PDB file of N, CA and C in Angstrom:
ATOM      1  N   UNK A   1      -0.933  66.490  39.161  1.00  0.00           N
ATOM      2  CA  UNK A   1       0.107  65.666  38.621  1.00  0.00           C
ATOM      3  C   UNK A   1      -0.110  65.568  37.116  1.00  0.00           C
ATOM      4  N   UNK A   2       0.964  65.718  36.348  1.00  0.00           N
ATOM      5  CA  UNK A   2       0.848  65.622  34.891  1.00  0.00           C
ATOM      6  C   UNK A   2       1.663  64.431  34.390  1.00  0.00           C
ATOM      7  N   UNK A   3       1.296  63.950  33.276  1.00  0.00           N
ATOM      8  CA  UNK A   3       2.061  62.850  32.701  1.00  0.00           C
ATOM      9  C   UNK A   3       2.411  63.195  31.267  1.00  0.00           C
ATOM     10  N   UNK A   4       3.605  62.836  30.910  1.00  0.00           N
ATOM     11  CA  UNK A   4       4.074  63.034  29.539  1.00  0.00           C
ATOM     12  C   UNK A   4       4.410  61.676  28.956  1.00  0.00           C
ATOM     13  N   UNK A   5       4.237  61.542  27.705  1.00  0.00           N
ATOM     14  CA  UNK A   5       4.647  60.298  27.058  1.00  0.00           C
ATOM     15  C   UNK A   5       5.757  60.608  26.057  1.00  0.00           C
ATOM     16  N   UNK A   6       6.571  59.624  25.851  1.00  0.00           N
ATOM     17  CA  UNK A   6       7.657  59.789  24.887  1.00  0.00           C
ATOM     18  C   UNK A   6       7.981  58.428  24.284  1.00  0.00           C
ATOM     19  N   UNK A   7       8.622  58.460  23.140  1.00  0.00           N
ATOM     20  CA  UNK A   7       9.013  57.228  22.474  1.00  0.00           C
ATOM     21  C   UNK A   7      10.406  56.855  22.959  1.00  0.00           C
ATOM     22  N   UNK A   8      10.535  55.654  23.465  1.00  0.00           N
ATOM     23  CA  UNK A   8      11.812  55.168  23.979  1.00  0.00           C
ATOM     24  C   UNK A   8      12.381  54.179  22.956  1.00  0.00           C
ATOM     25  N   UNK A   9      13.336  54.634  22.160  1.00  0.00           N
ATOM     26  CA  UNK A   9      13.923  53.788  21.117  1.00  0.00           C
ATOM     27  C   UNK A   9      15.144  53.091  21.692  1.00  0.00           C
ATOM     28  N   UNK A  10      15.149  51.788  21.575  1.00  0.00           N
ATOM     29  CA  UNK A  10      16.228  50.977  22.125  1.00  0.00           C
ATOM     30  C   UNK A  10      16.855  50.183  20.972  1.00  0.00           C
ATOM     31  N   UNK A  11      18.080  50.511  20.624  1.00  0.00           N
ATOM     32  CA  UNK A  11      18.774  49.825  19.535  1.00  0.00           C
ATOM     33  C   UNK A  11      19.826  48.886  20.105  1.00  0.00           C
ATOM     34  N   UNK A  12      19.905  47.709  19.536  1.00  0.00           N
ATOM     35  CA  UNK A  12      20.926  46.751  19.939  1.00  0.00           C
ATOM     36  C   UNK A  12      21.812  46.443  18.748  1.00  0.00           C
ATOM     37  N   UNK A  13      22.953  45.888  19.026  1.00  0.00           N
ATOM     38  CA  UNK A  13      23.846  45.462  17.967  1.00  0.00           C
ATOM     39  C   UNK A  13      23.365  44.157  17.355  1.00  0.00           C
ATOM     40  N   UNK A  14      24.095  43.726  16.378  1.00  0.00           N
ATOM     41  CA  UNK A  14      23.760  42.486  15.683  1.00  0.00           C
ATOM     42  C   UNK A  14      24.673  41.379  16.171  1.00  0.00           C
ATOM     43  N   UNK A  15      24.084  40.250  16.558  1.00  0.00           N
ATOM     44  CA  UNK A  15      24.836  39.073  16.966  1.00  0.00           C
ATOM     45  C   UNK A  15      24.849  38.108  15.790  1.00  0.00           C
ATOM     46  N   UNK A  16      26.037  37.865  15.241  1.00  0.00           N
ATOM     47  CA  UNK A  16      26.140  36.947  14.097  1.00  0.00           C
ATOM     48  C   UNK A  16      27.496  36.244  14.153  1.00  0.00           C
ATOM     49  N   UNK A  17      27.491  34.991  14.574  1.00  0.00           N
ATOM     50  CA  UNK A  17      28.698  34.167  14.621  1.00  0.00           C
ATOM     51  C   UNK A  17      28.561  33.110  13.534  1.00  0.00           C
ATOM     52  N   UNK A  18      29.579  33.012  12.674  1.00  0.00           N
ATOM     53  CA  UNK A  18      29.532  32.105  11.533  1.00  0.00           C
ATOM     54  C   UNK A  18      30.674  31.098  11.637  1.00  0.00           C
ATOM     55  N   UNK A  19      30.354  29.820  11.491  1.00  0.00           N
ATOM     56  CA  UNK A  19      31.360  28.757  11.485  1.00  0.00           C
ATOM     57  C   UNK A  19      31.406  28.148  10.092  1.00  0.00           C
ATOM     58  N   UNK A  20      32.620  28.050   9.536  1.00  0.00           N
ATOM     59  CA  UNK A  20      32.796  27.464   8.213  1.00  0.00           C
ATOM     60  C   UNK A  20      33.811  26.325   8.289  1.00  0.00           C
ATOM     61  N   UNK A  21      33.657  25.371   7.428  1.00  0.00           N
ATOM     62  CA  UNK A  21      34.556  24.224   7.368  1.00  0.00           C
ATOM     63  C   UNK A  21      35.033  24.040   5.937  1.00  0.00           C
ATOM     64  N   UNK A  22      36.353  23.871   5.777  1.00  0.00           N
ATOM     65  CA  UNK A  22      36.927  23.584   4.470  1.00  0.00           C
ATOM     66  C   UNK A  22      37.607  22.224   4.574  1.00  0.00           C
ATOM     67  N   UNK A  23      37.059  21.229   3.897  1.00  0.00           N
ATOM     68  CA  UNK A  23      37.614  19.886   3.946  1.00  0.00           C
ATOM     69  C   UNK A  23      37.084  19.081   2.775  1.00  0.00           C
ATOM     70  N   UNK A  24      37.981  18.419   2.075  1.00  0.00           N
ATOM     71  CA  UNK A  24      37.573  17.510   1.016  1.00  0.00           C
ATOM     72  C   UNK A  24      38.066  16.126   1.402  1.00  0.00           C
ATOM     73  N   UNK A  25      37.157  15.238   1.693  1.00  0.00           N
ATOM     74  CA  UNK A  25      37.504  13.899   2.122  1.00  0.00           C
ATOM     75  C   UNK A  25      38.077  13.120   0.949  1.00  0.00           C
ATOM     76  N   UNK A  26      39.298  12.598   1.109  1.00  0.00           N
ATOM     77  CA  UNK A  26      39.898  11.852   0.003  1.00  0.00           C
ATOM     78  C   UNK A  26      39.201  10.503  -0.189  1.00  0.00           C
ATOM     79  N   UNK A  27      39.197  10.017  -1.411  1.00  0.00           N
ATOM     80  CA  UNK A  27      38.571   8.726  -1.680  1.00  0.00           C
ATOM     81  C   UNK A  27      39.516   7.568  -1.372  1.00  0.00           C
ATOM     82  N   UNK A  28      40.820   7.828  -1.352  1.00  0.00           N
ATOM     83  CA  UNK A  28      41.787   6.780  -1.088  1.00  0.00           C
ATOM     84  C   UNK A  28      42.856   7.323  -0.144  1.00  0.00           C
ATOM     85  N   UNK A  29      42.508   7.430   1.111  1.00  0.00           N
ATOM     86  CA  UNK A  29      43.377   8.047   2.109  1.00  0.00           C
ATOM     87  C   UNK A  29      44.483   7.074   2.494  1.00  0.00           C
ATOM     88  N   UNK A  30      45.731   7.457   2.224  1.00  0.00           N
ATOM     89  CA  UNK A  30      46.877   6.592   2.504  1.00  0.00           C
ATOM     90  C   UNK A  30      47.357   6.801   3.940  1.00  0.00           C
ATOM     91  N   UNK A  31      47.844   5.738   4.567  1.00  0.00           N
ATOM     92  CA  UNK A  31      48.380   5.812   5.923  1.00  0.00           C
ATOM     93  C   UNK A  31      49.509   6.827   5.962  1.00  0.00           C
ATOM     94  N   UNK A  32      49.467   7.722   6.919  1.00  0.00           N
ATOM     95  CA  UNK A  32      50.498   8.733   7.082  1.00  0.00           C
ATOM     96  C   UNK A  32      50.291   9.978   6.243  1.00  0.00           C
ATOM     97  N   UNK A  33      49.325   9.970   5.357  1.00  0.00           N
ATOM     98  CA  UNK A  33      49.056  11.130   4.510  1.00  0.00           C
ATOM     99  C   UNK A  33      48.391  12.236   5.329  1.00  0.00           C
ATOM    100  N   UNK A  34      48.857  13.443   5.149  1.00  0.00           N
ATOM    101  CA  UNK A  34      48.289  14.574   5.883  1.00  0.00           C
ATOM    102  C   UNK A  34      47.229  15.255   5.034  1.00  0.00           C
ATOM    103  N   UNK A  35      46.044  15.369   5.597  1.00  0.00           N
ATOM    104  CA  UNK A  35      44.926  16.030   4.931  1.00  0.00           C
ATOM    105  C   UNK A  35      44.487  17.193   5.818  1.00  0.00           C
ATOM    106  N   UNK A  36      44.468  18.369   5.248  1.00  0.00           N
ATOM    107  CA  UNK A  36      44.108  19.546   6.037  1.00  0.00           C
ATOM    108  C   UNK A  36      42.597  19.740   6.077  1.00  0.00           C
ATOM    109  N   UNK A  37      42.126  20.060   7.275  1.00  0.00           N
ATOM    110  CA  UNK A  37      40.718  20.402   7.484  1.00  0.00           C
ATOM    111  C   UNK A  37      40.734  21.695   8.286  1.00  0.00           C
ATOM    112  N   UNK A  38      40.123  22.718   7.758  1.00  0.00           N
ATOM    113  CA  UNK A  38      40.131  24.019   8.414  1.00  0.00           C
ATOM    114  C   UNK A  38      38.723  24.380   8.854  1.00  0.00           C
ATOM    115  N   UNK A  39      38.585  24.664  10.142  1.00  0.00           N
ATOM    116  CA  UNK A  39      37.306  25.101  10.691  1.00  0.00           C
ATOM    117  C   UNK A  39      37.537  26.473  11.321  1.00  0.00           C
ATOM    118  N   UNK A  40      36.737  27.421  10.921  1.00  0.00           N
ATOM    119  CA  UNK A  40      36.895  28.794  11.391  1.00  0.00           C
ATOM    120  C   UNK A  40      35.575  29.303  11.948  1.00  0.00           C
ATOM    121  N   UNK A  41      35.647  29.953  13.093  1.00  0.00           N
ATOM    122  CA  UNK A  41      34.481  30.623  13.665  1.00  0.00           C
ATOM    123  C   UNK A  41      34.785  32.106  13.726  1.00  0.00           C
ATOM    124  N   UNK A  42      33.926  32.902  13.141  1.00  0.00           N
ATOM    125  CA  UNK A  42      34.163  34.333  13.008  1.00  0.00           C
ATOM    126  C   UNK A  42      32.975  35.133  13.523  1.00  0.00           C
ATOM    127  N   UNK A  43      33.267  36.205  14.230  1.00  0.00           N
ATOM    128  CA  UNK A  43      32.212  37.120  14.660  1.00  0.00           C
ATOM    129  C   UNK A  43      31.974  38.134  13.545  1.00  0.00           C
ATOM    130  N   UNK A  44      30.849  38.024  12.856  1.00  0.00           N
ATOM    131  CA  UNK A  44      30.486  38.962  11.797  1.00  0.00           C
ATOM    132  C   UNK A  44      29.447  39.966  12.279  1.00  0.00           C
ATOM    133  N   UNK A  45      29.194  39.962  13.564  1.00  0.00           N
ATOM    134  CA  UNK A  45      28.212  40.883  14.130  1.00  0.00           C
ATOM    135  C   UNK A  45      28.836  42.226  14.468  1.00  0.00           C
ATOM    136  N   UNK A  46      28.035  43.085  15.045  1.00  0.00           N
ATOM    137  CA  UNK A  46      28.498  44.430  15.406  1.00  0.00           C
ATOM    138  C   UNK A  46      28.782  44.559  16.893  1.00  0.00           C
ATOM    139  N   UNK A  47      28.571  43.484  17.649  1.00  0.00           N
ATOM    140  CA  UNK A  47      28.841  43.497  19.077  1.00  0.00           C
ATOM    141  C   UNK A  47      29.815  42.358  19.417  1.00  0.00           C
ATOM    142  N   UNK A  48      30.556  42.494  20.503  1.00  0.00           N
ATOM    143  CA  UNK A  48      31.459  41.405  20.882  1.00  0.00           C
ATOM    144  C   UNK A  48      30.675  40.123  21.160  1.00  0.00           C
ATOM    145  N   UNK A  49      31.317  38.999  20.869  1.00  0.00           N
ATOM    146  CA  UNK A  49      30.657  37.710  21.085  1.00  0.00           C
ATOM    147  C   UNK A  49      31.644  36.746  21.714  1.00  0.00           C
ATOM    148  N   UNK A  50      31.159  35.952  22.627  1.00  0.00           N
ATOM    149  CA  UNK A  50      31.942  34.849  23.181  1.00  0.00           C
ATOM    150  C   UNK A  50      31.486  33.597  22.454  1.00  0.00           C
ATOM    151  N   UNK A  51      32.436  32.806  22.008  1.00  0.00           N
ATOM    152  CA  UNK A  51      32.107  31.623  21.227  1.00  0.00           C
ATOM    153  C   UNK A  51      32.656  30.400  21.936  1.00  0.00           C
ATOM    154  N   UNK A  52      31.838  29.399  22.058  1.00  0.00           N
ATOM    155  CA  UNK A  52      32.267  28.130  22.642  1.00  0.00           C
ATOM    156  C   UNK A  52      32.163  27.077  21.544  1.00  0.00           C
ATOM    157  N   UNK A  53      33.284  26.460  21.263  1.00  0.00           N
ATOM    158  CA  UNK A  53      33.345  25.479  20.187  1.00  0.00           C
ATOM    159  C   UNK A  53      33.818  24.160  20.767  1.00  0.00           C
ATOM    160  N   UNK A  54      33.197  23.088  20.358  1.00  0.00           N
ATOM    161  CA  UNK A  54      33.665  21.762  20.742  1.00  0.00           C
ATOM    162  C   UNK A  54      33.659  20.887  19.498  1.00  0.00           C
ATOM    163  N   UNK A  55      34.443  19.822  19.551  1.00  0.00           N
ATOM    164  CA  UNK A  55      34.449  18.900  18.437  1.00  0.00           C
ATOM    165  C   UNK A  55      34.502  17.474  18.958  1.00  0.00           C
ATOM    166  N   UNK A  56      34.015  16.570  18.155  1.00  0.00           N
ATOM    167  CA  UNK A  56      34.054  15.152  18.468  1.00  0.00           C
ATOM    168  C   UNK A  56      34.684  14.440  17.283  1.00  0.00           C
ATOM    169  N   UNK A  57      35.716  13.660  17.558  1.00  0.00           N
ATOM    170  CA  UNK A  57      36.342  12.897  16.485  1.00  0.00           C
ATOM    171  C   UNK A  57      35.505  11.666  16.206  1.00  0.00           C
ATOM    172  N   UNK A  58      35.196  11.465  14.934  1.00  0.00           N
ATOM    173  CA  UNK A  58      34.438  10.293  14.531  1.00  0.00           C
ATOM    174  C   UNK A  58      34.976   9.826  13.179  1.00  0.00           C
ATOM    175  N   UNK A  59      35.215   8.533  13.074  1.00  0.00           N
ATOM    176  CA  UNK A  59      35.711   7.940  11.840  1.00  0.00           C
ATOM    177  C   UNK A  59      34.592   7.117  11.216  1.00  0.00           C
ATOM    178  N   UNK A  60      34.355   7.345   9.919  1.00  0.00           N
ATOM    179  CA  UNK A  60      33.347   6.593   9.187  1.00  0.00           C
ATOM    180  C   UNK A  60      34.023   5.879   8.024  1.00  0.00           C
ATOM    181  N   UNK A  61      33.576   4.656   7.735  1.00  0.00           N
ATOM    182  CA  UNK A  61      34.110   3.956   6.569  1.00  0.00           C
ATOM    183  C   UNK A  61      33.359   4.399   5.314  1.00  0.00           C
ATOM    184  N   UNK A  62      33.670   3.771   4.193  1.00  0.00           N
ATOM    185  CA  UNK A  62      33.073   4.184   2.923  1.00  0.00           C
ATOM    186  C   UNK A  62      31.569   3.985   2.878  1.00  0.00           C
ATOM    187  N   UNK A  63      31.028   3.202   3.819  1.00  0.00           N
ATOM    188  CA  UNK A  63      29.579   2.986   3.894  1.00  0.00           C
ATOM    189  C   UNK A  63      28.925   3.788   5.019  1.00  0.00           C
ATOM    190  N   UNK A  64      29.658   4.745   5.555  1.00  0.00           N
ATOM    191  CA  UNK A  64      29.188   5.603   6.648  1.00  0.00           C
ATOM    192  C   UNK A  64      28.957   4.852   7.950  1.00  0.00           C
ATOM    193  N   UNK A  65      29.626   3.712   8.137  1.00  0.00           N
ATOM    194  CA  UNK A  65      29.575   2.995   9.406  1.00  0.00           C
ATOM    195  C   UNK A  65      30.599   3.598  10.357  1.00  0.00           C
ATOM    196  N   UNK A  66      30.213   3.801  11.607  1.00  0.00           N
ATOM    197  CA  UNK A  66      31.113   4.371  12.608  1.00  0.00           C
ATOM    198  C   UNK A  66      32.174   3.332  12.987  1.00  0.00           C
ATOM    199  N   UNK A  67      33.434   3.631  12.675  1.00  0.00           N
ATOM    200  CA  UNK A  67      34.545   2.729  12.992  1.00  0.00           C
ATOM    201  C   UNK A  67      35.524   3.389  13.971  1.00  0.00           C
ATOM    202  N   UNK A  68      35.044   4.393  14.697  1.00  0.00           N
ATOM    203  CA  UNK A  68      35.892   5.146  15.615  1.00  0.00           C
ATOM    204  C   UNK A  68      36.606   4.233  16.606  1.00  0.00           C
ATOM    205  N   UNK A  69      35.933   3.226  17.132  1.00  0.00           N
ATOM    206  CA  UNK A  69      36.537   2.345  18.136  1.00  0.00           C
ATOM    207  C   UNK A  69      37.668   1.486  17.555  1.00  0.00           C
ATOM    208  N   UNK A  70      37.752   1.399  16.236  1.00  0.00           N
ATOM    209  CA  UNK A  70      38.788   0.597  15.586  1.00  0.00           C
ATOM    210  C   UNK A  70      40.051   1.412  15.262  1.00  0.00           C
ATOM    211  N   UNK A  71      39.990   2.711  15.457  1.00  0.00           N
ATOM    212  CA  UNK A  71      41.100   3.602  15.101  1.00  0.00           C
ATOM    213  C   UNK A  71      41.998   3.791  16.315  1.00  0.00           C
ATOM    214  N   UNK A  72      43.295   3.654  16.111  1.00  0.00           N
ATOM    215  CA  UNK A  72      44.264   3.824  17.184  1.00  0.00           C
ATOM    216  C   UNK A  72      44.250   5.273  17.668  1.00  0.00           C
ATOM    217  N   UNK A  73      44.196   5.442  18.993  1.00  0.00           N
ATOM    218  CA  UNK A  73      44.207   6.777  19.583  1.00  0.00           C
ATOM    219  C   UNK A  73      45.457   7.517  19.126  1.00  0.00           C
ATOM    220  N   UNK A  74      45.304   8.774  18.725  1.00  0.00           N
ATOM    221  CA  UNK A  74      46.435   9.576  18.269  1.00  0.00           C
ATOM    222  C   UNK A  74      46.673   9.492  16.772  1.00  0.00           C
ATOM    223  N   UNK A  75      45.816   8.762  16.051  1.00  0.00           N
ATOM    224  CA  UNK A  75      45.959   8.652  14.600  1.00  0.00           C
ATOM    225  C   UNK A  75      45.811  10.017  13.940  1.00  0.00           C
ATOM    226  N   UNK A  76      44.828  10.768  14.372  1.00  0.00           N
ATOM    227  CA  UNK A  76      44.634  12.123  13.852  1.00  0.00           C
ATOM    228  C   UNK A  76      45.322  13.107  14.784  1.00  0.00           C
ATOM    229  N   UNK A  77      46.068  14.019  14.201  1.00  0.00           N
ATOM    230  CA  UNK A  77      46.753  15.050  14.982  1.00  0.00           C
ATOM    231  C   UNK A  77      45.994  16.353  14.783  1.00  0.00           C
ATOM    232  N   UNK A  78      45.515  16.903  15.877  1.00  0.00           N
ATOM    233  CA  UNK A  78      44.735  18.138  15.837  1.00  0.00           C
ATOM    234  C   UNK A  78      45.673  19.310  16.136  1.00  0.00           C
ATOM    235  N   UNK A  79      45.714  20.275  15.227  1.00  0.00           N
ATOM    236  CA  UNK A  79      46.537  21.464  15.416  1.00  0.00           C
ATOM    237  C   UNK A  79      45.610  22.671  15.494  1.00  0.00           C
ATOM    238  N   UNK A  80      45.657  23.394  16.592  1.00  0.00           N
ATOM    239  CA  UNK A  80      44.833  24.589  16.757  1.00  0.00           C
ATOM    240  C   UNK A  80      45.688  25.819  16.499  1.00  0.00           C
ATOM    241  N   UNK A  81      45.199  26.714  15.655  1.00  0.00           N
ATOM    242  CA  UNK A  81      45.886  27.982  15.406  1.00  0.00           C
ATOM    243  C   UNK A  81      45.521  28.981  16.486  1.00  0.00           C
ATOM    244  N   UNK A  82      46.344  29.992  16.648  1.00  0.00           N
ATOM    245  CA  UNK A  82      46.086  31.080  17.601  1.00  0.00           C
ATOM    246  C   UNK A  82      45.801  30.549  18.995  1.00  0.00           C
ATOM    247  N   UNK A  83      46.572  29.578  19.449  1.00  0.00           N
ATOM    248  CA  UNK A  83      46.284  28.952  20.736  1.00  0.00           C
ATOM    249  C   UNK A  83      46.387  29.929  21.893  1.00  0.00           C
ATOM    250  N   UNK A  84      47.083  31.039  21.711  1.00  0.00           N
ATOM    251  CA  UNK A  84      47.140  32.020  22.784  1.00  0.00           C
ATOM    252  C   UNK A  84      45.806  32.748  22.948  1.00  0.00           C
ATOM    253  N   UNK A  85      44.965  32.683  21.923  1.00  0.00           N
ATOM    254  CA  UNK A  85      43.651  33.325  21.961  1.00  0.00           C
ATOM    255  C   UNK A  85      42.546  32.371  22.413  1.00  0.00           C
ATOM    256  N   UNK A  86      42.894  31.101  22.673  1.00  0.00           N
ATOM    257  CA  UNK A  86      41.907  30.089  22.995  1.00  0.00           C
ATOM    258  C   UNK A  86      42.078  29.592  24.411  1.00  0.00           C
ATOM    259  N   UNK A  87      40.976  29.166  24.964  1.00  0.00           N
ATOM    260  CA  UNK A  87      40.990  28.440  26.240  1.00  0.00           C
ATOM    261  C   UNK A  87      40.454  27.068  25.916  1.00  0.00           C
ATOM    262  N   UNK A  88      41.230  26.049  26.178  1.00  0.00           N
ATOM    263  CA  UNK A  88      40.812  24.689  25.855  1.00  0.00           C
ATOM    264  C   UNK A  88      40.402  23.967  27.123  1.00  0.00           C
ATOM    265  N   UNK A  89      39.231  23.385  27.101  1.00  0.00           N
ATOM    266  CA  UNK A  89      38.751  22.592  28.224  1.00  0.00           C
ATOM    267  C   UNK A  89      38.559  21.171  27.744  1.00  0.00           C
ATOM    268  N   UNK A  90      39.050  20.241  28.496  1.00  0.00           N
ATOM    269  CA  UNK A  90      38.908  18.828  28.154  1.00  0.00           C
ATOM    270  C   UNK A  90      37.787  18.252  28.982  1.00  0.00           C
ATOM    271  N   UNK A  91      36.815  17.657  28.315  1.00  0.00           N
ATOM    272  CA  UNK A  91      35.685  17.055  29.010  1.00  0.00           C
ATOM    273  C   UNK A  91      36.083  15.677  29.487  1.00  0.00           C
ATOM    274  N   UNK A  92      35.935  15.429  30.740  1.00  0.00           N
ATOM    275  CA  UNK A  92      36.249  14.128  31.311  1.00  0.00           C
ATOM    276  C   UNK A  92      34.961  13.329  31.452  1.00  0.00           C
ATOM    277  N   UNK A  93      34.951  12.117  30.940  1.00  0.00           N
ATOM    278  CA  UNK A  93      33.754  11.268  31.040  1.00  0.00           C
ATOM    279  C   UNK A  93      33.665  10.603  32.383  1.00  0.00           C
TER     280      UNK A  93
END
């Protein structure tokens, strides 16, 4: 019985998912004023990637105190782009 050896080179692609946020918090936010916040997740890798994104709405006052419970539900309107490309799951508490 003989044995041979060889080098087994195994190359994989690059996994790189990048999330960016563009938002400038106004210092004097007026009721009814629309402020755009853009969050983008992009696959910059060389292989396909599945991305799971979730968000939590939280309101902070000028002193960074959480005032979320004081905000009327529906105050912020969330608009998702490319909704045909997304699957949205709602977490039930």
